[in-house]
């Protein structure tokens, strides 16, 4: 446990949009210190004006050999590097914060957890949508069993990702680095579903690529149906072939004692609440989505992630999204992709 008066020292590997978001939230926190940035690209290409005094290293190995004291390494690189870099940081006896997905294979996620247990270090899986007020509210509804038995859950994820996003020089769209639409775009929402209802089985799928041929090495759209292990059935309908801008990310829950729907572009609005003997409370506003130029992503809640890391290391809280939950999201997506395709 770190002494209360000591600042937690962070390094961030990967200085794209999300990496800079991590770095910004670290710098804003009075109990944190950003001691290094790591990226293969030159500083002149990274727009790091806000971090002029922070040293930049060209590789994780170079940083780990530098002798700079660090408690936590935040991994915000392309998906395909997450597990390898997590293992290297754990080998160096550092706590890690891993952006979604934790890995692209369940086996690799298991290796990360095994290593973390042996070196007695924490793994924080980033699933910041859990912090949004609608997510917190619906978690309470489910835990209090206000809906009674859950009969059906429908998760709809319809976003725009076109040639403005899938640029030839980008890692996006490449199977070994990206992993697929469910890993990069929609794993946050699969995490919310797992967080609320648990594991799934009896998975059946249908995938297609409507307008991403030549841009990606995988599907842009899919239907997925399944049963929940804890009872009830569900489906995921998703696509990145939406024209021009995001349409919605929504979850509809049909239960014994009522129905709810959380919608908006990134599940940021309660659209329907119809529950027996229940009055909907007023929720705090949800933070806007992360801005990627022409795109909006998941909610800007990374400051909660950094707060949780500090609280855990100082003995004030438990991990909001632990490594086993990160592994389960990888496991569910991997099983979806390996199911029979029509």
C-alpha atoms as a PDB file:
ATOM      1  CA  UNK A   1       0.000   0.000   0.000  1.00  0.00           C
ATOM      2  CA  UNK A   2       1.267   3.482  -0.905  1.00  0.00           C
ATOM      3  CA  UNK A   3       1.425   6.110   1.834  1.00  0.00           C
ATOM      4  CA  UNK A   4      -1.453   8.602   1.675  1.00  0.00           C
ATOM      5  CA  UNK A   5       0.855  11.604   1.238  1.00  0.00           C
ATOM      6  CA  UNK A   6       2.825  10.092  -1.678  1.00  0.00           C
ATOM      7  CA  UNK A   7       1.893  10.770  -5.276  1.00  0.00           C
ATOM      8  CA  UNK A   8       1.271   7.751  -7.503  1.00  0.00           C
ATOM      9  CA  UNK A   9       3.714   7.822 -10.424  1.00  0.00           C
ATOM     10  CA  UNK A  10       2.282   6.934 -13.836  1.00  0.00           C
ATOM     11  CA  UNK A  11       3.694   6.307 -17.300  1.00  0.00           C
ATOM     12  CA  UNK A  12       1.522   6.051 -20.425  1.00  0.00           C
ATOM     13  CA  UNK A  13       2.411   3.905 -23.417  1.00  0.00           C
ATOM     14  CA  UNK A  14       0.611   4.904 -26.608  1.00  0.00           C
ATOM     15  CA  UNK A  15       0.068   8.609 -27.261  1.00  0.00           C
ATOM     16  CA  UNK A  16      -2.967   8.545 -29.524  1.00  0.00           C
ATOM     17  CA  UNK A  17      -6.340  10.025 -28.567  1.00  0.00           C
ATOM     18  CA  UNK A  18      -6.914   7.665 -25.639  1.00  0.00           C
ATOM     19  CA  UNK A  19      -3.331   7.731 -24.396  1.00  0.00           C
ATOM     20  CA  UNK A  20      -3.398  11.513 -24.252  1.00  0.00           C
ATOM     21  CA  UNK A  21      -6.712  11.284 -22.402  1.00  0.00           C
ATOM     22  CA  UNK A  22      -5.038   9.092 -19.786  1.00  0.00           C
ATOM     23  CA  UNK A  23      -2.089  11.486 -19.541  1.00  0.00           C
ATOM     24  CA  UNK A  24      -4.383  14.496 -19.161  1.00  0.00           C
ATOM     25  CA  UNK A  25      -6.402  12.846 -16.375  1.00  0.00           C
ATOM     26  CA  UNK A  26      -3.203  11.871 -14.556  1.00  0.00           C
ATOM     27  CA  UNK A  27      -1.909  15.431 -14.697  1.00  0.00           C
ATOM     28  CA  UNK A  28      -5.212  16.787 -13.384  1.00  0.00           C
ATOM     29  CA  UNK A  29      -5.118  14.558 -10.317  1.00  0.00           C
ATOM     30  CA  UNK A  30      -3.366  16.098  -7.311  1.00  0.00           C
ATOM     31  CA  UNK A  31      -2.363  12.651  -6.049  1.00  0.00           C
ATOM     32  CA  UNK A  32      -0.787  11.559  -9.340  1.00  0.00           C
ATOM     33  CA  UNK A  33       2.369  12.374 -11.255  1.00  0.00           C
ATOM     34  CA  UNK A  34       3.003  11.686 -14.956  1.00  0.00           C
ATOM     35  CA  UNK A  35       6.651  10.651 -15.186  1.00  0.00           C
ATOM     36  CA  UNK A  36       6.910   9.390 -18.784  1.00  0.00           C
ATOM     37  CA  UNK A  37       5.224   8.936 -22.139  1.00  0.00           C
ATOM     38  CA  UNK A  38       6.084   6.119 -24.536  1.00  0.00           C
ATOM     39  CA  UNK A  39       5.405   5.976 -28.279  1.00  0.00           C
ATOM     40  CA  UNK A  40       7.232   4.732 -31.368  1.00  0.00           C
ATOM     41  CA  UNK A  41       6.496   8.002 -33.185  1.00  0.00           C
ATOM     42  CA  UNK A  42       8.539  11.184 -32.922  1.00  0.00           C
ATOM     43  CA  UNK A  43       7.343  13.876 -30.524  1.00  0.00           C
ATOM     44  CA  UNK A  44       6.817  16.272 -33.460  1.00  0.00           C
ATOM     45  CA  UNK A  45       4.080  13.961 -34.792  1.00  0.00           C
ATOM     46  CA  UNK A  46       2.203  13.464 -31.519  1.00  0.00           C
ATOM     47  CA  UNK A  47       0.839  16.905 -30.537  1.00  0.00           C
ATOM     48  CA  UNK A  48       2.203  16.705 -27.000  1.00  0.00           C
ATOM     49  CA  UNK A  49       2.237  20.439 -26.236  1.00  0.00           C
ATOM     50  CA  UNK A  50       0.355  19.815 -22.994  1.00  0.00           C
ATOM     51  CA  UNK A  51       3.130  17.472 -21.839  1.00  0.00           C
ATOM     52  CA  UNK A  52       6.269  19.425 -22.754  1.00  0.00           C
ATOM     53  CA  UNK A  53       8.059  18.618 -19.514  1.00  0.00           C
ATOM     54  CA  UNK A  54       7.322  14.884 -19.621  1.00  0.00           C
ATOM     55  CA  UNK A  55      10.095  12.714 -21.127  1.00  0.00           C
ATOM     56  CA  UNK A  56       9.148  10.656 -24.200  1.00  0.00           C
ATOM     57  CA  UNK A  57      10.595   7.201 -24.813  1.00  0.00           C
ATOM     58  CA  UNK A  58      10.502   5.342 -28.118  1.00  0.00           C
ATOM     59  CA  UNK A  59       9.857   1.900 -26.608  1.00  0.00           C
ATOM     60  CA  UNK A  60       8.611   0.289 -23.440  1.00  0.00           C
ATOM     61  CA  UNK A  61      11.951  -1.484 -23.033  1.00  0.00           C
ATOM     62  CA  UNK A  62      13.841   1.816 -23.241  1.00  0.00           C
ATOM     63  CA  UNK A  63      11.629   3.290 -20.550  1.00  0.00           C
ATOM     64  CA  UNK A  64      11.875   0.293 -18.216  1.00  0.00           C
ATOM     65  CA  UNK A  65      15.697   0.421 -18.501  1.00  0.00           C
ATOM     66  CA  UNK A  66      15.781   4.161 -17.780  1.00  0.00           C
ATOM     67  CA  UNK A  67      15.559   3.769 -14.028  1.00  0.00           C
ATOM     68  CA  UNK A  68      12.705   6.268 -13.735  1.00  0.00           C
ATOM     69  CA  UNK A  69      10.624   5.414 -10.688  1.00  0.00           C
ATOM     70  CA  UNK A  70       7.058   4.474 -11.668  1.00  0.00           C
ATOM     71  CA  UNK A  71       4.177   2.726  -9.906  1.00  0.00           C
ATOM     72  CA  UNK A  72       1.692   2.255 -12.740  1.00  0.00           C
ATOM     73  CA  UNK A  73       1.957   1.887 -16.521  1.00  0.00           C
ATOM     74  CA  UNK A  74      -1.155   2.742 -18.524  1.00  0.00           C
ATOM     75  CA  UNK A  75      -1.355   0.769 -21.769  1.00  0.00           C
ATOM     76  CA  UNK A  76      -3.197   2.617 -24.537  1.00  0.00           C
ATOM     77  CA  UNK A  77      -1.594   1.091 -27.624  1.00  0.00           C
ATOM     78  CA  UNK A  78      -3.265  -0.877 -30.471  1.00  0.00           C
ATOM     79  CA  UNK A  79      -5.256  -3.825 -29.134  1.00  0.00           C
ATOM     80  CA  UNK A  80      -2.882  -6.474 -30.428  1.00  0.00           C
ATOM     81  CA  UNK A  81      -0.051  -5.166 -28.219  1.00  0.00           C
ATOM     82  CA  UNK A  82      -1.948  -5.048 -24.926  1.00  0.00           C
ATOM     83  CA  UNK A  83      -1.146  -8.508 -23.558  1.00  0.00           C
ATOM     84  CA  UNK A  84       2.525  -8.483 -24.571  1.00  0.00           C
ATOM     85  CA  UNK A  85       3.114  -5.056 -23.042  1.00  0.00           C
ATOM     86  CA  UNK A  86       1.125  -5.924 -19.923  1.00  0.00           C
ATOM     87  CA  UNK A  87       3.348  -8.948 -19.342  1.00  0.00           C
ATOM     88  CA  UNK A  88       6.498  -6.847 -19.796  1.00  0.00           C
ATOM     89  CA  UNK A  89       5.291  -4.268 -17.261  1.00  0.00           C
ATOM     90  CA  UNK A  90       4.315  -6.945 -14.763  1.00  0.00           C
ATOM     91  CA  UNK A  91       7.712  -8.603 -15.198  1.00  0.00           C
ATOM     92  CA  UNK A  92       9.177  -5.222 -14.198  1.00  0.00           C
ATOM     93  CA  UNK A  93       6.948  -5.289 -11.076  1.00  0.00           C
ATOM     94  CA  UNK A  94       4.642  -2.443 -12.127  1.00  0.00           C
ATOM     95  CA  UNK A  95       0.893  -2.165 -11.709  1.00  0.00           C
ATOM     96  CA  UNK A  96      -0.907  -1.833 -15.036  1.00  0.00           C
ATOM     97  CA  UNK A  97      -3.969  -0.095 -16.423  1.00  0.00           C
ATOM     98  CA  UNK A  98      -5.013  -1.792 -19.673  1.00  0.00           C
ATOM     99  CA  UNK A  99      -7.336  -0.148 -22.153  1.00  0.00           C
ATOM    100  CA  UNK A 100     -10.055  -2.335 -23.589  1.00  0.00           C
ATOM    101  CA  UNK A 101      -9.722  -5.038 -24.682  1.00  0.00           C
ATOM    102  CA  UNK A 102      -7.364  -6.580 -22.150  1.00  0.00           C
ATOM    103  CA  UNK A 103      -6.173  -8.947 -24.908  1.00  0.00           C
ATOM    104  CA  UNK A 104      -7.432 -10.376 -28.181  1.00  0.00           C
ATOM    105  CA  UNK A 105      -7.400 -13.955 -26.882  1.00  0.00           C
ATOM    106  CA  UNK A 106      -8.642 -15.427 -23.626  1.00  0.00           C
ATOM    107  CA  UNK A 107      -5.399 -17.406 -23.318  1.00  0.00           C
ATOM    108  CA  UNK A 108      -3.348 -14.195 -23.400  1.00  0.00           C
ATOM    109  CA  UNK A 109      -5.595 -12.529 -20.828  1.00  0.00           C
ATOM    110  CA  UNK A 110      -5.125 -15.557 -18.576  1.00  0.00           C
ATOM    111  CA  UNK A 111      -1.343 -15.222 -18.911  1.00  0.00           C
ATOM    112  CA  UNK A 112      -1.573 -11.585 -17.780  1.00  0.00           C
ATOM    113  CA  UNK A 113      -3.656 -12.519 -14.730  1.00  0.00           C
ATOM    114  CA  UNK A 114      -1.336 -15.407 -13.854  1.00  0.00           C
ATOM    115  CA  UNK A 115       1.707 -13.118 -14.038  1.00  0.00           C
ATOM    116  CA  UNK A 116       0.016 -10.400 -11.965  1.00  0.00           C
ATOM    117  CA  UNK A 117      -0.790 -12.895  -9.222  1.00  0.00           C
ATOM    118  CA  UNK A 118       2.809 -14.091  -9.098  1.00  0.00           C
ATOM    119  CA  UNK A 119       4.325 -10.600  -8.882  1.00  0.00           C
ATOM    120  CA  UNK A 120       1.582  -9.292  -6.559  1.00  0.00           C
ATOM    121  CA  UNK A 121       0.595  -6.389  -8.806  1.00  0.00           C
ATOM    122  CA  UNK A 122      -2.817  -5.040  -9.793  1.00  0.00           C
ATOM    123  CA  UNK A 123      -4.373  -5.160 -13.250  1.00  0.00           C
ATOM    124  CA  UNK A 124      -6.980  -2.455 -13.893  1.00  0.00           C
ATOM    125  CA  UNK A 125      -9.163  -3.113 -16.953  1.00  0.00           C
ATOM    126  CA  UNK A 126     -10.530   0.113 -18.447  1.00  0.00           C
ATOM    127  CA  UNK A 127     -14.307  -0.008 -18.874  1.00  0.00           C
ATOM    128  CA  UNK A 128     -15.177   3.601 -18.149  1.00  0.00           C
ATOM    129  CA  UNK A 129     -18.811   3.396 -19.285  1.00  0.00           C
ATOM    130  CA  UNK A 130     -19.611   1.718 -15.961  1.00  0.00           C
ATOM    131  CA  UNK A 131     -19.232   5.152 -14.351  1.00  0.00           C
ATOM    132  CA  UNK A 132     -21.961   6.822 -16.423  1.00  0.00           C
ATOM    133  CA  UNK A 133     -25.069   7.700 -14.344  1.00  0.00           C
ATOM    134  CA  UNK A 134     -27.434   5.539 -16.462  1.00  0.00           C
ATOM    135  CA  UNK A 135     -25.091   2.555 -16.043  1.00  0.00           C
ATOM    136  CA  UNK A 136     -24.848   3.078 -12.291  1.00  0.00           C
ATOM    137  CA  UNK A 137     -28.649   3.437 -12.081  1.00  0.00           C
ATOM    138  CA  UNK A 138     -29.431   0.315 -14.097  1.00  0.00           C
ATOM    139  CA  UNK A 139     -26.917  -1.674 -12.030  1.00  0.00           C
ATOM    140  CA  UNK A 140     -28.885  -0.732  -8.900  1.00  0.00           C
ATOM    141  CA  UNK A 141     -32.157  -1.718 -10.586  1.00  0.00           C
ATOM    142  CA  UNK A 142     -30.803  -5.168 -11.440  1.00  0.00           C
ATOM    143  CA  UNK A 143     -29.110  -5.762  -8.083  1.00  0.00           C
ATOM    144  CA  UNK A 144     -32.301  -4.805  -6.227  1.00  0.00           C
ATOM    145  CA  UNK A 145     -34.258  -7.146  -8.537  1.00  0.00           C
ATOM    146  CA  UNK A 146     -36.831  -4.437  -9.216  1.00  0.00           C
ATOM    147  CA  UNK A 147     -37.529  -5.943 -12.637  1.00  0.00           C
ATOM    148  CA  UNK A 148     -38.085  -9.412 -11.175  1.00  0.00           C
ATOM    149  CA  UNK A 149     -36.969 -12.183 -13.513  1.00  0.00           C
ATOM    150  CA  UNK A 150     -35.180 -10.864 -16.592  1.00  0.00           C
ATOM    151  CA  UNK A 151     -36.760 -12.324 -19.718  1.00  0.00           C
ATOM    152  CA  UNK A 152     -34.992 -10.602 -22.610  1.00  0.00           C
ATOM    153  CA  UNK A 153     -32.120  -8.195 -23.208  1.00  0.00           C
ATOM    154  CA  UNK A 154     -31.459  -6.482 -26.524  1.00  0.00           C
ATOM    155  CA  UNK A 155     -28.203  -4.619 -27.087  1.00  0.00           C
ATOM    156  CA  UNK A 156     -28.099  -2.404 -30.191  1.00  0.00           C
ATOM    157  CA  UNK A 157     -24.819  -0.768 -31.245  1.00  0.00           C
ATOM    158  CA  UNK A 158     -24.968   1.276 -34.433  1.00  0.00           C
ATOM    159  CA  UNK A 159     -22.002   3.557 -35.100  1.00  0.00           C
ATOM    160  CA  UNK A 160     -20.340   5.152 -38.085  1.00  0.00           C
ATOM    161  CA  UNK A 161     -16.785   4.104 -38.882  1.00  0.00           C
ATOM    162  CA  UNK A 162     -15.816   4.746 -42.486  1.00  0.00           C
ATOM    163  CA  UNK A 163     -12.741   5.726 -44.534  1.00  0.00           C
ATOM    164  CA  UNK A 164     -12.169   8.735 -42.250  1.00  0.00           C
ATOM    165  CA  UNK A 165     -11.446   6.225 -39.477  1.00  0.00           C
ATOM    166  CA  UNK A 166     -10.032   3.221 -41.330  1.00  0.00           C
ATOM    167  CA  UNK A 167      -7.054   4.986 -42.897  1.00  0.00           C
ATOM    168  CA  UNK A 168      -4.466   2.808 -44.686  1.00  0.00           C
ATOM    169  CA  UNK A 169      -1.681   3.849 -42.311  1.00  0.00           C
ATOM    170  CA  UNK A 170      -3.786   3.145 -39.208  1.00  0.00           C
ATOM    171  CA  UNK A 171      -3.891  -0.045 -37.123  1.00  0.00           C
ATOM    172  CA  UNK A 172      -7.676   0.143 -37.227  1.00  0.00           C
ATOM    173  CA  UNK A 173      -9.157  -2.554 -39.417  1.00  0.00           C
ATOM    174  CA  UNK A 174      -6.158  -4.881 -39.261  1.00  0.00           C
ATOM    175  CA  UNK A 175      -7.108  -8.233 -37.723  1.00  0.00           C
ATOM    176  CA  UNK A 176      -3.920  -8.788 -35.717  1.00  0.00           C
ATOM    177  CA  UNK A 177      -3.888  -5.301 -34.161  1.00  0.00           C
ATOM    178  CA  UNK A 178      -7.588  -4.376 -34.063  1.00  0.00           C
ATOM    179  CA  UNK A 179      -9.231  -7.765 -33.509  1.00  0.00           C
ATOM    180  CA  UNK A 180     -12.652  -6.891 -34.885  1.00  0.00           C
ATOM    181  CA  UNK A 181     -15.603  -4.585 -34.456  1.00  0.00           C
ATOM    182  CA  UNK A 182     -16.733  -6.105 -31.157  1.00  0.00           C
ATOM    183  CA  UNK A 183     -13.275  -5.668 -29.636  1.00  0.00           C
ATOM    184  CA  UNK A 184     -12.591  -2.085 -30.719  1.00  0.00           C
ATOM    185  CA  UNK A 185     -15.987  -0.407 -30.961  1.00  0.00           C
ATOM    186  CA  UNK A 186     -18.429  -2.317 -28.792  1.00  0.00           C
ATOM    187  CA  UNK A 187     -16.577  -4.179 -26.024  1.00  0.00           C
ATOM    188  CA  UNK A 188     -17.659  -1.452 -23.553  1.00  0.00           C
ATOM    189  CA  UNK A 189     -21.289  -2.417 -24.071  1.00  0.00           C
ATOM    190  CA  UNK A 190     -20.625  -6.142 -23.880  1.00  0.00           C
ATOM    191  CA  UNK A 191     -18.883  -5.372 -20.587  1.00  0.00           C
ATOM    192  CA  UNK A 192     -21.988  -3.554 -19.307  1.00  0.00           C
ATOM    193  CA  UNK A 193     -24.145  -6.513 -20.319  1.00  0.00           C
ATOM    194  CA  UNK A 194     -21.848  -8.981 -18.549  1.00  0.00           C
ATOM    195  CA  UNK A 195     -21.625  -6.682 -15.501  1.00  0.00           C
ATOM    196  CA  UNK A 196     -25.416  -6.674 -15.246  1.00  0.00           C
ATOM    197  CA  UNK A 197     -26.448 -10.190 -16.260  1.00  0.00           C
ATOM    198  CA  UNK A 198     -23.416 -12.474 -16.180  1.00  0.00           C
ATOM    199  CA  UNK A 199     -22.134 -14.989 -18.697  1.00  0.00           C
ATOM    200  CA  UNK A 200     -23.790 -16.250 -21.876  1.00  0.00           C
ATOM    201  CA  UNK A 201     -23.992 -19.552 -23.751  1.00  0.00           C
ATOM    202  CA  UNK A 202     -25.801 -21.142 -26.705  1.00  0.00           C
ATOM    203  CA  UNK A 203     -24.351 -18.429 -28.968  1.00  0.00           C
ATOM    204  CA  UNK A 204     -25.504 -18.158 -32.574  1.00  0.00           C
ATOM    205  CA  UNK A 205     -24.193 -15.549 -34.993  1.00  0.00           C
ATOM    206  CA  UNK A 206     -24.527 -14.015 -38.407  1.00  0.00           C
ATOM    207  CA  UNK A 207     -21.895 -11.578 -39.725  1.00  0.00           C
ATOM    208  CA  UNK A 208     -21.530  -9.438 -42.828  1.00  0.00           C
ATOM    209  CA  UNK A 209     -19.365  -6.705 -44.292  1.00  0.00           C
ATOM    210  CA  UNK A 210     -21.621  -4.304 -46.154  1.00  0.00           C
ATOM    211  CA  UNK A 211     -19.355  -1.388 -47.027  1.00  0.00           C
ATOM    212  CA  UNK A 212     -15.944  -2.017 -45.461  1.00  0.00           C
ATOM    213  CA  UNK A 213     -14.386  -4.289 -48.078  1.00  0.00           C
ATOM    214  CA  UNK A 214     -10.834  -3.089 -48.631  1.00  0.00           C
ATOM    215  CA  UNK A 215     -10.937  -1.059 -45.396  1.00  0.00           C
ATOM    216  CA  UNK A 216     -11.061  -3.832 -42.775  1.00  0.00           C
ATOM    217  CA  UNK A 217     -10.079  -7.471 -42.505  1.00  0.00           C
ATOM    218  CA  UNK A 218     -13.258  -8.384 -40.638  1.00  0.00           C
ATOM    219  CA  UNK A 219     -17.030  -7.844 -40.461  1.00  0.00           C
ATOM    220  CA  UNK A 220     -18.716  -4.478 -40.061  1.00  0.00           C
ATOM    221  CA  UNK A 221     -22.098  -5.851 -38.899  1.00  0.00           C
ATOM    222  CA  UNK A 222     -23.574  -8.757 -37.015  1.00  0.00           C
ATOM    223  CA  UNK A 223     -26.512 -10.415 -35.285  1.00  0.00           C
ATOM    224  CA  UNK A 224     -25.750 -12.438 -32.142  1.00  0.00           C
ATOM    225  CA  UNK A 225     -28.288 -14.408 -30.109  1.00  0.00           C
ATOM    226  CA  UNK A 226     -27.663 -16.296 -26.869  1.00  0.00           C
ATOM    227  CA  UNK A 227     -28.990 -17.435 -23.513  1.00  0.00           C
ATOM    228  CA  UNK A 228     -27.853 -15.992 -20.211  1.00  0.00           C
ATOM    229  CA  UNK A 229     -26.422 -18.592 -17.851  1.00  0.00           C
ATOM    230  CA  UNK A 230     -28.451 -16.986 -15.056  1.00  0.00           C
ATOM    231  CA  UNK A 231     -31.710 -17.161 -17.026  1.00  0.00           C
ATOM    232  CA  UNK A 232     -33.342 -15.257 -19.865  1.00  0.00           C
ATOM    233  CA  UNK A 233     -32.162 -14.702 -23.413  1.00  0.00           C
ATOM    234  CA  UNK A 234     -30.510 -11.880 -25.285  1.00  0.00           C
ATOM    235  CA  UNK A 235     -29.232 -10.540 -28.555  1.00  0.00           C
ATOM    236  CA  UNK A 236     -26.658  -8.083 -29.852  1.00  0.00           C
ATOM    237  CA  UNK A 237     -27.288  -6.252 -33.112  1.00  0.00           C
ATOM    238  CA  UNK A 238     -24.351  -4.137 -34.237  1.00  0.00           C
ATOM    239  CA  UNK A 239     -22.892  -2.305 -37.190  1.00  0.00           C
ATOM    240  CA  UNK A 240     -20.271   0.280 -38.097  1.00  0.00           C
ATOM    241  CA  UNK A 241     -21.765   0.762 -41.568  1.00  0.00           C
ATOM    242  CA  UNK A 242     -24.047   3.599 -40.420  1.00  0.00           C
ATOM    243  CA  UNK A 243     -23.875   6.576 -42.763  1.00  0.00           C
ATOM    244  CA  UNK A 244     -22.006   9.718 -41.705  1.00  0.00           C
ATOM    245  CA  UNK A 245     -22.447   9.660 -37.894  1.00  0.00           C
ATOM    246  CA  UNK A 246     -23.276   7.423 -34.940  1.00  0.00           C
ATOM    247  CA  UNK A 247     -26.887   6.350 -34.579  1.00  0.00           C
ATOM    248  CA  UNK A 248     -27.172   4.756 -31.127  1.00  0.00           C
ATOM    249  CA  UNK A 249     -25.944   2.359 -28.511  1.00  0.00           C
ATOM    250  CA  UNK A 250     -28.891   1.096 -26.521  1.00  0.00           C
ATOM    251  CA  UNK A 251     -29.947  -1.651 -24.149  1.00  0.00           C
ATOM    252  CA  UNK A 252     -33.555  -2.725 -23.724  1.00  0.00           C
ATOM    253  CA  UNK A 253     -34.419  -4.984 -20.786  1.00  0.00           C
ATOM    254  CA  UNK A 254     -37.729  -6.827 -20.553  1.00  0.00           C
ATOM    255  CA  UNK A 255     -38.455  -8.183 -17.092  1.00  0.00           C
ATOM    256  CA  UNK A 256     -41.191  -9.740 -15.030  1.00  0.00           C
ATOM    257  CA  UNK A 257     -42.101  -6.447 -13.324  1.00  0.00           C
ATOM    258  CA  UNK A 258     -41.218  -3.867 -15.935  1.00  0.00           C
ATOM    259  CA  UNK A 259     -39.151  -2.666 -18.862  1.00  0.00           C
ATOM    260  CA  UNK A 260     -36.307  -0.186 -19.242  1.00  0.00           C
ATOM    261  CA  UNK A 261     -34.336   1.190 -22.162  1.00  0.00           C
ATOM    262  CA  UNK A 262     -31.051   3.060 -21.948  1.00  0.00           C
ATOM    263  CA  UNK A 263     -30.144   4.699 -25.257  1.00  0.00           C
ATOM    264  CA  UNK A 264     -28.394   7.594 -26.918  1.00  0.00           C
ATOM    265  CA  UNK A 265     -25.173   7.427 -28.935  1.00  0.00           C
ATOM    266  CA  UNK A 266     -23.270   5.658 -26.139  1.00  0.00           C
ATOM    267  CA  UNK A 267     -25.968   4.470 -23.700  1.00  0.00           C
ATOM    268  CA  UNK A 268     -26.027   7.865 -22.031  1.00  0.00           C
ATOM    269  CA  UNK A 269     -29.797   8.436 -21.698  1.00  0.00           C
ATOM    270  CA  UNK A 270     -32.610   6.610 -19.913  1.00  0.00           C
ATOM    271  CA  UNK A 271     -35.296   6.571 -22.612  1.00  0.00           C
ATOM    272  CA  UNK A 272     -37.858   4.280 -20.973  1.00  0.00           C
ATOM    273  CA  UNK A 273     -38.484   3.361 -17.348  1.00  0.00           C
ATOM    274  CA  UNK A 274     -41.698   1.463 -16.746  1.00  0.00           C
ATOM    275  CA  UNK A 275     -41.368  -0.515 -13.507  1.00  0.00           C
ATOM    276  CA  UNK A 276     -44.066  -1.647 -11.117  1.00  0.00           C
ATOM    277  CA  UNK A 277     -44.399   0.677  -8.078  1.00  0.00           C
ATOM    278  CA  UNK A 278     -41.240   2.607  -8.976  1.00  0.00           C
ATOM    279  CA  UNK A 279     -40.534   6.266  -9.696  1.00  0.00           C
ATOM    280  CA  UNK A 280     -37.527   7.120 -11.824  1.00  0.00           C
ATOM    281  CA  UNK A 281     -35.024   9.341  -9.927  1.00  0.00           C
ATOM    282  CA  UNK A 282     -33.332  12.300 -11.584  1.00  0.00           C
ATOM    283  CA  UNK A 283     -29.843  11.287 -12.702  1.00  0.00           C
ATOM    284  CA  UNK A 284     -26.752  13.435 -13.053  1.00  0.00           C
ATOM    285  CA  UNK A 285     -25.833  14.300 -16.666  1.00  0.00           C
ATOM    286  CA  UNK A 286     -23.537  11.907 -18.504  1.00  0.00           C
ATOM    287  CA  UNK A 287     -20.181  13.178 -19.711  1.00  0.00           C
ATOM    288  CA  UNK A 288     -20.014  13.651 -23.502  1.00  0.00           C
ATOM    289  CA  UNK A 289     -18.369  11.061 -25.726  1.00  0.00           C
ATOM    290  CA  UNK A 290     -14.659  11.066 -26.454  1.00  0.00           C
ATOM    291  CA  UNK A 291     -14.033  13.134 -29.570  1.00  0.00           C
ATOM    292  CA  UNK A 292     -11.993  11.497 -32.329  1.00  0.00           C
ATOM    293  CA  UNK A 293     -12.350  14.216 -34.950  1.00  0.00           C
ATOM    294  CA  UNK A 294     -15.256  12.986 -37.065  1.00  0.00           C
ATOM    295  CA  UNK A 295     -16.314  10.491 -34.416  1.00  0.00           C
ATOM    296  CA  UNK A 296     -17.729  10.149 -30.958  1.00  0.00           C
ATOM    297  CA  UNK A 297     -16.747   7.219 -28.782  1.00  0.00           C
ATOM    298  CA  UNK A 298     -17.578   6.114 -25.276  1.00  0.00           C
ATOM    299  CA  UNK A 299     -18.146   8.566 -22.435  1.00  0.00           C
ATOM    300  CA  UNK A 300     -15.301  10.744 -21.130  1.00  0.00           C
ATOM    301  CA  UNK A 301     -14.975   8.996 -17.792  1.00  0.00           C
ATOM    302  CA  UNK A 302     -11.251   8.254 -17.672  1.00  0.00           C
ATOM    303  CA  UNK A 303     -10.787  10.506 -14.640  1.00  0.00           C
ATOM    304  CA  UNK A 304     -12.831   7.956 -12.667  1.00  0.00           C
ATOM    305  CA  UNK A 305     -10.425   5.244 -13.807  1.00  0.00           C
ATOM    306  CA  UNK A 306      -7.384   7.192 -12.569  1.00  0.00           C
ATOM    307  CA  UNK A 307      -9.171   8.038  -9.312  1.00  0.00           C
ATOM    308  CA  UNK A 308      -9.897   4.342  -8.761  1.00  0.00           C
ATOM    309  CA  UNK A 309      -6.279   3.328  -9.382  1.00  0.00           C
ATOM    310  CA  UNK A 310      -5.080   5.827  -6.783  1.00  0.00           C
ATOM    311  CA  UNK A 311      -7.775   4.852  -4.280  1.00  0.00           C
ATOM    312  CA  UNK A 312      -6.899   1.152  -4.641  1.00  0.00           C
ATOM    313  CA  UNK A 313      -3.148   1.664  -4.285  1.00  0.00           C
ATOM    314  CA  UNK A 314      -3.738   3.812  -1.199  1.00  0.00           C
ATOM    315  CA  UNK A 315      -6.076   1.256   0.328  1.00  0.00           C
ATOM    316  CA  UNK A 316      -9.257   3.311   0.056  1.00  0.00           C
ATOM    317  CA  UNK A 317     -11.242   1.237  -2.453  1.00  0.00           C
ATOM    318  CA  UNK A 318     -11.429  -1.957  -4.491  1.00  0.00           C
ATOM    319  CA  UNK A 319     -10.889  -2.186  -8.253  1.00  0.00           C
ATOM    320  CA  UNK A 320     -13.931  -1.075 -10.233  1.00  0.00           C
ATOM    321  CA  UNK A 321     -13.168  -3.324 -13.210  1.00  0.00           C
ATOM    322  CA  UNK A 322     -10.837  -6.140 -12.242  1.00  0.00           C
ATOM    323  CA  UNK A 323      -8.729  -8.377 -14.424  1.00  0.00           C
ATOM    324  CA  UNK A 324     -11.161 -11.306 -14.309  1.00  0.00           C
ATOM    325  CA  UNK A 325     -13.938  -9.085 -15.649  1.00  0.00           C
ATOM    326  CA  UNK A 326     -11.606  -7.870 -18.381  1.00  0.00           C
ATOM    327  CA  UNK A 327     -10.868 -11.487 -19.230  1.00  0.00           C
ATOM    328  CA  UNK A 328     -14.575 -12.383 -19.390  1.00  0.00           C
ATOM    329  CA  UNK A 329     -15.248  -9.676 -21.963  1.00  0.00           C
ATOM    330  CA  UNK A 330     -12.417 -11.090 -24.108  1.00  0.00           C
ATOM    331  CA  UNK A 331     -13.773 -14.595 -23.573  1.00  0.00           C
ATOM    332  CA  UNK A 332     -17.322 -13.642 -24.595  1.00  0.00           C
ATOM    333  CA  UNK A 333     -16.182 -11.809 -27.736  1.00  0.00           C
ATOM    334  CA  UNK A 334     -13.819 -14.638 -28.682  1.00  0.00           C
ATOM    335  CA  UNK A 335     -16.671 -17.154 -28.334  1.00  0.00           C
ATOM    336  CA  UNK A 336     -18.978 -14.947 -30.398  1.00  0.00           C
ATOM    337  CA  UNK A 337     -16.413 -14.756 -33.188  1.00  0.00           C
ATOM    338  CA  UNK A 338     -15.715 -18.500 -33.067  1.00  0.00           C
ATOM    339  CA  UNK A 339     -19.407 -19.474 -33.181  1.00  0.00           C
ATOM    340  CA  UNK A 340     -20.943 -20.889 -36.322  1.00  0.00           C
ATOM    341  CA  UNK A 341     -21.376 -18.194 -38.944  1.00  0.00           C
ATOM    342  CA  UNK A 342     -24.129 -18.210 -41.538  1.00  0.00           C
END
